[in-house]
Amino acid sequence: EYLKQPNSVELKQIFELHKTKHKFPGMLGCLDCCHCVWKNCPKAWAGNFKGKEKKPTVVIEAINDYNLYFWHVTFGHPGSLNDLSILDLGP
């Protein structure tokens, strides 16, 4: 229920809400990435998944709107990537 693709009516409502509330036209929502420690990461992969945290991590990326609906979620990017490089990988 809280993860779905917006239809055209919902998109118009979301864009209007952010334009009115935040004075930011064309904004769908807030994007953030969270690095989660991967306790059982295989040793052969650990180097690719270590970033600033110094432990292997996987990244969850999410976009949600003002009403806390999630419009986009990905999981599994290597922790060696930062938020901008993960954003560049998206569709």
N, C-alpha and C. Protein backbone atom coordinates (compact mmCIF):
# COMPACT_ATOMS: atom_id res chain seq x y z
N GLU A 1 0.82 -1.20 0.00
CA GLU A 1 0.00 0.00 0.00
C GLU A 1 0.87 1.27 0.00
N TYR A 2 2.05 1.23 0.66
CA TYR A 2 2.88 2.42 0.73
C TYR A 2 4.00 2.44 -0.31
N LEU A 3 4.04 1.44 -1.19
CA LEU A 3 5.01 1.42 -2.28
C LEU A 3 4.25 1.14 -3.56
N LYS A 4 4.13 2.16 -4.40
CA LYS A 4 3.41 2.01 -5.66
C LYS A 4 3.88 3.06 -6.64
N GLN A 5 3.48 2.87 -7.88
CA GLN A 5 3.83 3.83 -8.91
C GLN A 5 2.72 4.88 -8.99
N PRO A 6 3.06 6.17 -8.97
CA PRO A 6 2.03 7.20 -9.00
C PRO A 6 1.35 7.28 -10.36
N ASN A 7 0.04 7.53 -10.34
CA ASN A 7 -0.67 7.77 -11.60
C ASN A 7 -0.60 9.27 -11.91
N SER A 8 -1.16 9.69 -13.05
CA SER A 8 -1.02 11.08 -13.48
C SER A 8 -1.71 12.05 -12.52
N VAL A 9 -2.84 11.67 -11.94
CA VAL A 9 -3.53 12.54 -10.99
C VAL A 9 -2.69 12.72 -9.73
N GLU A 10 -2.14 11.62 -9.22
CA GLU A 10 -1.30 11.70 -8.02
C GLU A 10 -0.05 12.54 -8.27
N LEU A 11 0.55 12.38 -9.44
CA LEU A 11 1.73 13.18 -9.78
C LEU A 11 1.42 14.67 -9.75
N LYS A 12 0.30 15.05 -10.35
CA LYS A 12 -0.10 16.47 -10.35
C LYS A 12 -0.29 16.98 -8.93
N GLN A 13 -0.93 16.17 -8.07
CA GLN A 13 -1.16 16.57 -6.69
C GLN A 13 0.16 16.72 -5.93
N ILE A 14 1.08 15.78 -6.13
CA ILE A 14 2.38 15.81 -5.45
C ILE A 14 3.18 17.03 -5.90
N PHE A 15 3.23 17.26 -7.22
CA PHE A 15 3.97 18.42 -7.74
C PHE A 15 3.39 19.72 -7.19
N GLU A 16 2.08 19.83 -7.16
CA GLU A 16 1.43 21.04 -6.65
C GLU A 16 1.70 21.23 -5.16
N LEU A 17 1.66 20.16 -4.40
CA LEU A 17 1.93 20.23 -2.96
C LEU A 17 3.34 20.75 -2.69
N HIS A 18 4.33 20.18 -3.38
CA HIS A 18 5.72 20.62 -3.16
C HIS A 18 5.95 22.04 -3.67
N LYS A 19 5.27 22.41 -4.75
CA LYS A 19 5.39 23.77 -5.27
C LYS A 19 4.83 24.76 -4.25
N THR A 20 3.69 24.43 -3.63
CA THR A 20 3.06 25.30 -2.65
C THR A 20 3.82 25.32 -1.32
N LYS A 21 4.13 24.15 -0.79
CA LYS A 21 4.77 24.04 0.53
C LYS A 21 6.23 24.49 0.53
N HIS A 22 7.00 24.06 -0.49
CA HIS A 22 8.45 24.26 -0.48
C HIS A 22 8.95 25.23 -1.54
N LYS A 23 8.04 25.74 -2.34
CA LYS A 23 8.41 26.68 -3.43
C LYS A 23 9.42 26.03 -4.37
N PHE A 24 9.20 24.72 -4.64
CA PHE A 24 10.12 23.96 -5.48
C PHE A 24 9.31 23.22 -6.54
N PRO A 25 9.08 23.84 -7.71
CA PRO A 25 8.25 23.19 -8.74
C PRO A 25 8.92 21.96 -9.34
N GLY A 26 8.11 20.94 -9.66
CA GLY A 26 8.62 19.74 -10.31
C GLY A 26 9.23 18.72 -9.37
N MET A 27 9.08 18.92 -8.06
CA MET A 27 9.69 18.01 -7.10
C MET A 27 8.73 16.86 -6.79
N LEU A 28 9.23 15.61 -6.91
CA LEU A 28 8.41 14.44 -6.61
C LEU A 28 8.49 14.08 -5.14
N GLY A 29 9.68 14.18 -4.55
CA GLY A 29 9.82 13.82 -3.14
C GLY A 29 11.24 13.95 -2.68
N CYS A 30 11.53 13.26 -1.60
CA CYS A 30 12.84 13.31 -0.97
C CYS A 30 13.58 12.01 -1.24
N LEU A 31 14.85 12.12 -1.64
CA LEU A 31 15.67 10.95 -1.92
C LEU A 31 16.72 10.81 -0.83
N ASP A 32 16.93 9.58 -0.38
CA ASP A 32 18.00 9.33 0.59
C ASP A 32 18.52 7.92 0.41
N CYS A 33 19.76 7.73 0.81
CA CYS A 33 20.40 6.41 0.79
C CYS A 33 20.86 6.07 2.20
N CYS A 34 20.76 4.80 2.55
CA CYS A 34 21.17 4.32 3.86
C CYS A 34 22.10 3.13 3.68
N HIS A 35 23.28 3.21 4.30
CA HIS A 35 24.26 2.12 4.24
C HIS A 35 24.00 1.17 5.41
N CYS A 36 23.73 -0.09 5.10
CA CYS A 36 23.46 -1.10 6.13
C CYS A 36 24.61 -2.10 6.17
N VAL A 37 25.15 -2.34 7.35
CA VAL A 37 26.29 -3.26 7.48
C VAL A 37 25.87 -4.67 7.05
N TRP A 38 26.72 -5.28 6.22
CA TRP A 38 26.49 -6.64 5.73
C TRP A 38 27.39 -7.57 6.53
N LYS A 39 26.86 -8.10 7.61
CA LYS A 39 27.62 -8.91 8.56
C LYS A 39 28.24 -10.16 7.92
N ASN A 40 27.50 -10.82 7.04
CA ASN A 40 27.96 -12.08 6.45
C ASN A 40 28.41 -11.93 5.00
N CYS A 41 29.01 -10.79 4.68
CA CYS A 41 29.50 -10.55 3.32
C CYS A 41 30.64 -11.53 3.01
N PRO A 42 30.59 -12.20 1.85
CA PRO A 42 31.70 -13.09 1.48
C PRO A 42 33.02 -12.31 1.39
N LYS A 43 34.11 -12.90 1.87
CA LYS A 43 35.40 -12.22 1.89
C LYS A 43 35.84 -11.77 0.50
N ALA A 44 35.51 -12.56 -0.51
CA ALA A 44 35.91 -12.21 -1.88
C ALA A 44 35.22 -10.93 -2.36
N TRP A 45 34.08 -10.58 -1.80
CA TRP A 45 33.32 -9.39 -2.21
C TRP A 45 33.56 -8.20 -1.30
N ALA A 46 34.15 -8.41 -0.14
CA ALA A 46 34.24 -7.38 0.90
C ALA A 46 34.88 -6.08 0.39
N GLY A 47 35.90 -6.16 -0.42
CA GLY A 47 36.56 -4.96 -0.93
C GLY A 47 35.64 -4.07 -1.73
N ASN A 48 34.76 -4.68 -2.52
CA ASN A 48 33.82 -3.90 -3.34
C ASN A 48 32.71 -3.27 -2.51
N PHE A 49 32.45 -3.81 -1.34
CA PHE A 49 31.33 -3.35 -0.54
C PHE A 49 31.76 -2.48 0.65
N LYS A 50 33.08 -2.22 0.79
CA LYS A 50 33.56 -1.34 1.87
C LYS A 50 33.63 0.09 1.38
N GLY A 51 33.09 0.98 2.17
CA GLY A 51 33.15 2.40 1.87
C GLY A 51 33.70 3.15 3.07
N LYS A 52 33.16 4.32 3.32
CA LYS A 52 33.62 5.14 4.44
C LYS A 52 33.35 4.49 5.79
N GLU A 53 32.42 3.53 5.83
CA GLU A 53 32.08 2.85 7.08
C GLU A 53 33.15 1.85 7.53
N LYS A 54 34.08 1.50 6.64
CA LYS A 54 35.18 0.55 6.90
C LYS A 54 34.71 -0.88 7.11
N LYS A 55 33.43 -1.14 6.93
CA LYS A 55 32.87 -2.49 6.98
C LYS A 55 32.06 -2.67 5.70
N PRO A 56 31.89 -3.90 5.23
CA PRO A 56 31.06 -4.11 4.04
C PRO A 56 29.61 -3.67 4.32
N THR A 57 29.07 -2.89 3.40
CA THR A 57 27.68 -2.44 3.53
C THR A 57 26.96 -2.58 2.20
N VAL A 58 25.64 -2.68 2.27
CA VAL A 58 24.78 -2.59 1.09
C VAL A 58 23.93 -1.34 1.29
N VAL A 59 23.49 -0.76 0.19
CA VAL A 59 22.79 0.52 0.25
C VAL A 59 21.32 0.35 -0.13
N ILE A 60 20.47 0.99 0.66
CA ILE A 60 19.04 1.12 0.34
C ILE A 60 18.84 2.55 -0.13
N GLU A 61 18.23 2.70 -1.31
CA GLU A 61 17.90 4.02 -1.84
C GLU A 61 16.39 4.14 -1.90
N ALA A 62 15.85 5.27 -1.46
CA ALA A 62 14.39 5.43 -1.47
C ALA A 62 14.01 6.87 -1.79
N ILE A 63 12.87 7.01 -2.47
CA ILE A 63 12.25 8.32 -2.71
C ILE A 63 10.85 8.26 -2.14
N ASN A 64 10.54 9.20 -1.26
CA ASN A 64 9.19 9.25 -0.72
C ASN A 64 8.65 10.67 -0.82
N ASP A 65 7.32 10.79 -0.73
CA ASP A 65 6.70 12.10 -0.85
C ASP A 65 6.32 12.65 0.52
N TYR A 66 5.65 13.77 0.51
CA TYR A 66 5.24 14.47 1.72
C TYR A 66 4.32 13.62 2.60
N ASN A 67 3.54 12.74 1.97
CA ASN A 67 2.59 11.88 2.70
C ASN A 67 3.21 10.54 3.10
N LEU A 68 4.54 10.41 2.94
CA LEU A 68 5.30 9.21 3.30
C LEU A 68 5.01 7.99 2.42
N TYR A 69 4.53 8.21 1.21
CA TYR A 69 4.42 7.12 0.24
C TYR A 69 5.77 6.98 -0.45
N PHE A 70 6.21 5.75 -0.61
CA PHE A 70 7.47 5.47 -1.29
C PHE A 70 7.19 5.27 -2.77
N TRP A 71 7.87 6.06 -3.62
CA TRP A 71 7.67 5.96 -5.06
C TRP A 71 8.79 5.18 -5.73
N HIS A 72 9.88 4.99 -5.04
CA HIS A 72 11.02 4.27 -5.63
C HIS A 72 11.87 3.70 -4.49
N VAL A 73 12.25 2.43 -4.60
CA VAL A 73 13.15 1.81 -3.63
C VAL A 73 14.07 0.84 -4.36
N THR A 74 15.37 0.91 -4.07
CA THR A 74 16.32 -0.10 -4.56
C THR A 74 17.16 -0.55 -3.38
N PHE A 75 17.69 -1.75 -3.48
CA PHE A 75 18.50 -2.31 -2.41
C PHE A 75 19.58 -3.18 -3.03
N GLY A 76 20.78 -3.13 -2.46
CA GLY A 76 21.82 -4.04 -2.89
C GLY A 76 23.02 -3.41 -3.55
N HIS A 77 23.03 -2.08 -3.72
CA HIS A 77 24.21 -1.43 -4.29
C HIS A 77 25.38 -1.59 -3.33
N PRO A 78 26.60 -1.73 -3.85
CA PRO A 78 27.76 -1.86 -2.97
C PRO A 78 27.98 -0.61 -2.11
N GLY A 79 28.39 -0.81 -0.88
CA GLY A 79 28.64 0.29 0.03
C GLY A 79 29.79 1.19 -0.37
N SER A 80 30.60 0.77 -1.34
CA SER A 80 31.70 1.60 -1.81
C SER A 80 31.19 2.77 -2.66
N LEU A 81 29.93 2.72 -3.08
CA LEU A 81 29.34 3.80 -3.87
C LEU A 81 28.76 4.87 -2.95
N ASN A 82 28.85 6.13 -3.38
CA ASN A 82 28.21 7.18 -2.60
C ASN A 82 26.82 7.48 -3.17
N ASP A 83 26.07 8.35 -2.51
CA ASP A 83 24.69 8.62 -2.90
C ASP A 83 24.57 9.12 -4.34
N LEU A 84 25.47 10.00 -4.76
CA LEU A 84 25.39 10.54 -6.12
C LEU A 84 25.66 9.48 -7.18
N SER A 85 26.62 8.62 -6.94
CA SER A 85 26.90 7.56 -7.93
C SER A 85 25.75 6.57 -8.01
N ILE A 86 25.06 6.33 -6.90
CA ILE A 86 23.89 5.44 -6.91
C ILE A 86 22.75 6.11 -7.68
N LEU A 87 22.59 7.40 -7.49
CA LEU A 87 21.56 8.15 -8.22
C LEU A 87 21.82 8.09 -9.72
N ASP A 88 23.09 8.16 -10.12
CA ASP A 88 23.46 8.08 -11.54
C ASP A 88 23.14 6.70 -12.14
N LEU A 89 23.11 5.65 -11.32
CA LEU A 89 22.83 4.30 -11.80
C LEU A 89 21.35 4.08 -12.09
N GLY A 90 20.50 4.94 -11.53
CA GLY A 90 19.05 4.75 -11.64
C GLY A 90 18.53 4.93 -13.04
N PRO A 91 17.26 4.56 -13.23
CA PRO A 91 16.65 4.65 -14.56
C PRO A 91 16.46 6.06 -15.05
